[in-house]
PDB file of N, CA and C in Angstrom:
ATOM      1  N   UNK A   1      -8.881  53.055  14.854  1.00  0.00           N
ATOM      2  CA  UNK A   1      -7.923  52.173  15.482  1.00  0.00           C
ATOM      3  C   UNK A   1      -6.819  51.792  14.496  1.00  0.00           C
ATOM      4  N   UNK A   2      -5.609  51.684  14.986  1.00  0.00           N
ATOM      5  CA  UNK A   2      -4.494  51.380  14.094  1.00  0.00           C
ATOM      6  C   UNK A   2      -4.423  49.884  13.781  1.00  0.00           C
ATOM      7  N   UNK A   3      -3.641  49.566  12.782  1.00  0.00           N
ATOM      8  CA  UNK A   3      -3.452  48.170  12.388  1.00  0.00           C
ATOM      9  C   UNK A   3      -2.660  47.413  13.446  1.00  0.00           C
ATOM     10  N   UNK A   4      -2.867  46.109  13.520  1.00  0.00           N
ATOM     11  CA  UNK A   4      -2.076  45.272  14.418  1.00  0.00           C
ATOM     12  C   UNK A   4      -0.773  44.949  13.701  1.00  0.00           C
ATOM     13  N   UNK A   5       0.343  45.234  14.365  1.00  0.00           N
ATOM     14  CA  UNK A   5       1.639  44.975  13.755  1.00  0.00           C
ATOM     15  C   UNK A   5       2.212  43.655  14.256  1.00  0.00           C
ATOM     16  N   UNK A   6       2.870  42.943  13.362  1.00  0.00           N
ATOM     17  CA  UNK A   6       3.557  41.705  13.708  1.00  0.00           C
ATOM     18  C   UNK A   6       4.872  42.029  14.384  1.00  0.00           C
ATOM     19  N   UNK A   7       5.186  41.314  15.456  1.00  0.00           N
ATOM     20  CA  UNK A   7       6.485  41.443  16.128  1.00  0.00           C
ATOM     21  C   UNK A   7       7.490  40.705  15.249  1.00  0.00           C
ATOM     22  N   UNK A   8       8.350  41.445  14.555  1.00  0.00           N
ATOM     23  CA  UNK A   8       9.219  40.852  13.536  1.00  0.00           C
ATOM     24  C   UNK A   8      10.205  39.847  14.123  1.00  0.00           C
ATOM     25  N   UNK A   9      10.680  40.089  15.336  1.00  0.00           N
ATOM     26  CA  UNK A   9      11.593  39.142  15.976  1.00  0.00           C
ATOM     27  C   UNK A   9      10.922  37.808  16.220  1.00  0.00           C
ATOM     28  N   UNK A  10       9.672  37.850  16.668  1.00  0.00           N
ATOM     29  CA  UNK A  10       8.917  36.615  16.921  1.00  0.00           C
ATOM     30  C   UNK A  10       8.583  35.909  15.610  1.00  0.00           C
ATOM     31  N   UNK A  11       8.275  36.680  14.569  1.00  0.00           N
ATOM     32  CA  UNK A  11       7.917  36.089  13.273  1.00  0.00           C
ATOM     33  C   UNK A  11       9.071  35.282  12.691  1.00  0.00           C
ATOM     34  N   UNK A  12      10.313  35.697  13.000  1.00  0.00           N
ATOM     35  CA  UNK A  12      11.478  34.988  12.479  1.00  0.00           C
ATOM     36  C   UNK A  12      11.806  33.745  13.295  1.00  0.00           C
ATOM     37  N   UNK A  13      11.306  33.665  14.517  1.00  0.00           N
ATOM     38  CA  UNK A  13      11.664  32.571  15.416  1.00  0.00           C
ATOM     39  C   UNK A  13      10.610  31.480  15.536  1.00  0.00           C
ATOM     40  N   UNK A  14       9.355  31.820  15.279  1.00  0.00           N
ATOM     41  CA  UNK A  14       8.263  30.872  15.485  1.00  0.00           C
ATOM     42  C   UNK A  14       7.409  30.749  14.240  1.00  0.00           C
ATOM     43  N   UNK A  15       6.742  29.578  14.104  1.00  0.00           N
ATOM     44  CA  UNK A  15       5.741  29.417  13.041  1.00  0.00           C
ATOM     45  C   UNK A  15       4.600  28.581  13.579  1.00  0.00           C
ATOM     46  N   UNK A  16       3.467  28.669  12.929  1.00  0.00           N
ATOM     47  CA  UNK A  16       2.292  27.939  13.377  1.00  0.00           C
ATOM     48  C   UNK A  16       2.065  26.707  12.513  1.00  0.00           C
ATOM     49  N   UNK A  17       1.609  25.626  13.152  1.00  0.00           N
ATOM     50  CA  UNK A  17       1.246  24.421  12.415  1.00  0.00           C
ATOM     51  C   UNK A  17      -0.176  24.603  11.892  1.00  0.00           C
ATOM     52  N   UNK A  18      -0.639  23.651  11.125  1.00  0.00           N
ATOM     53  CA  UNK A  18      -1.992  23.710  10.589  1.00  0.00           C
ATOM     54  C   UNK A  18      -3.050  23.705  11.675  1.00  0.00           C
ATOM     55  N   UNK A  19      -2.759  23.025  12.787  1.00  0.00           N
ATOM     56  CA  UNK A  19      -3.727  22.951  13.887  1.00  0.00           C
ATOM     57  C   UNK A  19      -3.591  24.117  14.861  1.00  0.00           C
ATOM     58  N   UNK A  20      -2.638  25.027  14.596  1.00  0.00           N
ATOM     59  CA  UNK A  20      -2.510  26.215  15.423  1.00  0.00           C
ATOM     60  C   UNK A  20      -1.480  26.133  16.532  1.00  0.00           C
ATOM     61  N   UNK A  21      -0.716  25.049  16.574  1.00  0.00           N
ATOM     62  CA  UNK A  21       0.337  24.950  17.591  1.00  0.00           C
ATOM     63  C   UNK A  21       1.538  25.779  17.151  1.00  0.00           C
ATOM     64  N   UNK A  22       2.345  26.210  18.124  1.00  0.00           N
ATOM     65  CA  UNK A  22       3.513  27.044  17.831  1.00  0.00           C
ATOM     66  C   UNK A  22       4.763  26.169  17.814  1.00  0.00           C
ATOM     67  N   UNK A  23       5.518  26.231  16.722  1.00  0.00           N
ATOM     68  CA  UNK A  23       6.740  25.451  16.564  1.00  0.00           C
ATOM     69  C   UNK A  23       7.931  26.365  16.821  1.00  0.00           C
ATOM     70  N   UNK A  24       8.905  25.860  17.577  1.00  0.00           N
ATOM     71  CA  UNK A  24      10.090  26.639  17.917  1.00  0.00           C
ATOM     72  C   UNK A  24      11.331  25.775  17.764  1.00  0.00           C
ATOM     73  N   UNK A  25      12.493  26.434  17.731  1.00  0.00           N
ATOM     74  CA  UNK A  25      13.775  25.737  17.714  1.00  0.00           C
ATOM     75  C   UNK A  25      14.242  25.533  19.147  1.00  0.00           C
ATOM     76  N   UNK A  26      15.140  24.582  19.364  1.00  0.00           N
ATOM     77  CA  UNK A  26      15.723  24.385  20.684  1.00  0.00           C
ATOM     78  C   UNK A  26      16.802  25.439  20.941  1.00  0.00           C
ATOM     79  N   UNK A  27      16.961  25.779  22.205  1.00  0.00           N
ATOM     80  CA  UNK A  27      18.033  26.683  22.614  1.00  0.00           C
ATOM     81  C   UNK A  27      19.314  25.883  22.819  1.00  0.00           C
ATOM     82  N   UNK A  28      20.423  26.577  23.008  1.00  0.00           N
ATOM     83  CA  UNK A  28      21.737  25.976  23.329  1.00  0.00           C
ATOM     84  C   UNK A  28      22.338  25.156  22.201  1.00  0.00           C
ATOM     85  N   UNK A  29      22.053  25.495  20.948  1.00  0.00           N
ATOM     86  CA  UNK A  29      22.588  24.725  19.830  1.00  0.00           C
ATOM     87  C   UNK A  29      23.469  25.554  18.904  1.00  0.00           C
ATOM     88  N   UNK A  30      23.894  26.741  19.328  1.00  0.00           N
ATOM     89  CA  UNK A  30      24.613  27.635  18.430  1.00  0.00           C
ATOM     90  C   UNK A  30      26.118  27.712  18.619  1.00  0.00           C
ATOM     91  N   UNK A  31      26.584  27.811  19.843  1.00  0.00           N
ATOM     92  CA  UNK A  31      28.032  27.924  20.041  1.00  0.00           C
ATOM     93  C   UNK A  31      28.418  27.202  21.331  1.00  0.00           C
ATOM     94  N   UNK A  32      29.716  27.096  21.560  1.00  0.00           N
ATOM     95  CA  UNK A  32      30.271  26.295  22.668  1.00  0.00           C
ATOM     96  C   UNK A  32      29.753  24.858  22.544  1.00  0.00           C
ATOM     97  N   UNK A  33      29.899  24.296  21.353  1.00  0.00           N
ATOM     98  CA  UNK A  33      29.374  22.956  21.084  1.00  0.00           C
ATOM     99  C   UNK A  33      30.376  21.854  21.404  1.00  0.00           C
ATOM    100  N   UNK A  34      31.624  22.207  21.639  1.00  0.00           N
ATOM    101  CA  UNK A  34      32.646  21.186  21.866  1.00  0.00           C
ATOM    102  C   UNK A  34      32.410  20.426  23.161  1.00  0.00           C
ATOM    103  N   UNK A  35      31.875  21.090  24.172  1.00  0.00           N
ATOM    104  CA  UNK A  35      31.655  20.427  25.455  1.00  0.00           C
ATOM    105  C   UNK A  35      30.331  19.659  25.521  1.00  0.00           C
ATOM    106  N   UNK A  36      29.513  19.782  24.510  1.00  0.00           N
ATOM    107  CA  UNK A  36      28.223  19.091  24.493  1.00  0.00           C
ATOM    108  C   UNK A  36      28.370  17.748  23.782  1.00  0.00           C
ATOM    109  N   UNK A  37      27.754  16.735  24.365  1.00  0.00           N
ATOM    110  CA  UNK A  37      27.832  15.382  23.811  1.00  0.00           C
ATOM    111  C   UNK A  37      27.084  15.310  22.481  1.00  0.00           C
ATOM    112  N   UNK A  38      27.503  14.422  21.563  1.00  0.00           N
ATOM    113  CA  UNK A  38      26.843  14.303  20.261  1.00  0.00           C
ATOM    114  C   UNK A  38      25.348  14.007  20.366  1.00  0.00           C
ATOM    115  N   UNK A  39      24.967  13.198  21.349  1.00  0.00           N
ATOM    116  CA  UNK A  39      23.546  12.861  21.518  1.00  0.00           C
ATOM    117  C   UNK A  39      22.725  14.115  21.827  1.00  0.00           C
ATOM    118  N   UNK A  40      23.280  14.963  22.674  1.00  0.00           N
ATOM    119  CA  UNK A  40      22.592  16.202  23.041  1.00  0.00           C
ATOM    120  C   UNK A  40      22.459  17.121  21.835  1.00  0.00           C
ATOM    121  N   UNK A  41      23.535  17.222  21.040  1.00  0.00           N
ATOM    122  CA  UNK A  41      23.505  18.084  19.859  1.00  0.00           C
ATOM    123  C   UNK A  41      22.507  17.583  18.829  1.00  0.00           C
ATOM    124  N   UNK A  42      22.389  16.262  18.699  1.00  0.00           N
ATOM    125  CA  UNK A  42      21.406  15.688  17.773  1.00  0.00           C
ATOM    126  C   UNK A  42      19.989  16.057  18.192  1.00  0.00           C
ATOM    127  N   UNK A  43      19.710  15.955  19.485  1.00  0.00           N
ATOM    128  CA  UNK A  43      18.362  16.269  19.987  1.00  0.00           C
ATOM    129  C   UNK A  43      18.037  17.750  19.823  1.00  0.00           C
ATOM    130  N   UNK A  44      19.034  18.603  19.924  1.00  0.00           N
ATOM    131  CA  UNK A  44      18.817  20.040  19.806  1.00  0.00           C
ATOM    132  C   UNK A  44      18.553  20.471  18.368  1.00  0.00           C
ATOM    133  N   UNK A  45      18.893  19.603  17.405  1.00  0.00           N
ATOM    134  CA  UNK A  45      18.721  19.937  15.994  1.00  0.00           C
ATOM    135  C   UNK A  45      17.251  20.098  15.591  1.00  0.00           C
ATOM    136  N   UNK A  46      16.387  19.281  16.155  1.00  0.00           N
ATOM    137  CA  UNK A  46      14.986  19.271  15.736  1.00  0.00           C
ATOM    138  C   UNK A  46      14.185  20.439  16.280  1.00  0.00           C
ATOM    139  N   UNK A  47      12.907  20.438  15.998  1.00  0.00           N
ATOM    140  CA  UNK A  47      12.011  21.484  16.484  1.00  0.00           C
ATOM    141  C   UNK A  47      11.219  20.954  17.670  1.00  0.00           C
ATOM    142  N   UNK A  48      10.559  21.873  18.361  1.00  0.00           N
ATOM    143  CA  UNK A  48       9.735  21.527  19.512  1.00  0.00           C
ATOM    144  C   UNK A  48       8.448  22.340  19.454  1.00  0.00           C
ATOM    145  N   UNK A  49       7.440  21.870  20.164  1.00  0.00           N
ATOM    146  CA  UNK A  49       6.177  22.595  20.272  1.00  0.00           C
ATOM    147  C   UNK A  49       6.245  23.458  21.530  1.00  0.00           C
ATOM    148  N   UNK A  50       5.894  24.717  21.408  1.00  0.00           N
ATOM    149  CA  UNK A  50       5.906  25.626  22.558  1.00  0.00           C
ATOM    150  C   UNK A  50       4.794  25.244  23.529  1.00  0.00           C
ATOM    151  N   UNK A  51       5.015  25.494  24.815  1.00  0.00           N
ATOM    152  CA  UNK A  51       4.008  25.194  25.828  1.00  0.00           C
ATOM    153  C   UNK A  51       2.797  26.094  25.630  1.00  0.00           C
ATOM    154  N   UNK A  52       1.678  25.690  26.194  1.00  0.00           N
ATOM    155  CA  UNK A  52       0.420  26.416  26.010  1.00  0.00           C
ATOM    156  C   UNK A  52       0.514  27.852  26.521  1.00  0.00           C
ATOM    157  N   UNK A  53       1.188  28.044  27.657  1.00  0.00           N
ATOM    158  CA  UNK A  53       1.325  29.383  28.236  1.00  0.00           C
ATOM    159  C   UNK A  53       2.125  30.289  27.305  1.00  0.00           C
ATOM    160  N   UNK A  54       3.255  29.768  26.788  1.00  0.00           N
ATOM    161  CA  UNK A  54       4.083  30.555  25.871  1.00  0.00           C
ATOM    162  C   UNK A  54       3.382  30.767  24.535  1.00  0.00           C
ATOM    163  N   UNK A  55       2.661  29.751  24.071  1.00  0.00           N
ATOM    164  CA  UNK A  55       1.998  29.823  22.770  1.00  0.00           C
ATOM    165  C   UNK A  55       0.984  30.961  22.725  1.00  0.00           C
ATOM    166  N   UNK A  56       0.294  31.181  23.818  1.00  0.00           N
ATOM    167  CA  UNK A  56      -0.703  32.251  23.873  1.00  0.00           C
ATOM    168  C   UNK A  56      -0.044  33.606  23.642  1.00  0.00           C
ATOM    169  N   UNK A  57       1.108  33.830  24.273  1.00  0.00           N
ATOM    170  CA  UNK A  57       1.829  35.094  24.108  1.00  0.00           C
ATOM    171  C   UNK A  57       2.408  35.226  22.708  1.00  0.00           C
ATOM    172  N   UNK A  58       2.936  34.127  22.180  1.00  0.00           N
ATOM    173  CA  UNK A  58       3.539  34.148  20.847  1.00  0.00           C
ATOM    174  C   UNK A  58       2.495  34.427  19.784  1.00  0.00           C
ATOM    175  N   UNK A  59       1.326  33.811  19.911  1.00  0.00           N
ATOM    176  CA  UNK A  59       0.253  34.027  18.928  1.00  0.00           C
ATOM    177  C   UNK A  59      -0.195  35.486  18.900  1.00  0.00           C
ATOM    178  N   UNK A  60      -0.109  36.146  20.042  1.00  0.00           N
ATOM    179  CA  UNK A  60      -0.452  37.562  20.096  1.00  0.00           C
ATOM    180  C   UNK A  60       0.587  38.396  19.340  1.00  0.00           C
ATOM    181  N   UNK A  61       1.834  37.917  19.334  1.00  0.00           N
ATOM    182  CA  UNK A  61       2.898  38.655  18.649  1.00  0.00           C
ATOM    183  C   UNK A  61       2.896  38.412  17.144  1.00  0.00           C
ATOM    184  N   UNK A  62       2.371  37.255  16.708  1.00  0.00           N
ATOM    185  CA  UNK A  62       2.334  36.963  15.262  1.00  0.00           C
ATOM    186  C   UNK A  62       0.879  36.732  14.830  1.00  0.00           C
ATOM    187  N   UNK A  63       0.057  37.785  14.846  1.00  0.00           N
ATOM    188  CA  UNK A  63      -1.373  37.628  14.571  1.00  0.00           C
ATOM    189  C   UNK A  63      -1.699  37.223  13.130  1.00  0.00           C
ATOM    190  N   UNK A  64      -0.836  37.541  12.181  1.00  0.00           N
ATOM    191  CA  UNK A  64      -1.162  37.277  10.771  1.00  0.00           C
ATOM    192  C   UNK A  64      -0.483  36.024  10.240  1.00  0.00           C
ATOM    193  N   UNK A  65       0.135  35.243  11.088  1.00  0.00           N
ATOM    194  CA  UNK A  65       0.866  34.046  10.638  1.00  0.00           C
ATOM    195  C   UNK A  65      -0.092  32.916  10.307  1.00  0.00           C
TER     196      UNK A  65
END
């Protein structure tokens, strides 16, 4: 059987916490920022925990993280 390969795109976008939760960045924070209110941009700066359904798929893509 071949080795399990890490999905490099996912490895650059997600990381795991010590308890195994998946941490992600918020979307919509890169461009066309002039029309977004400062409060919204501040909230988009931080990280978020991925939902359980998404986390299961992400963990499969980054098995060695």
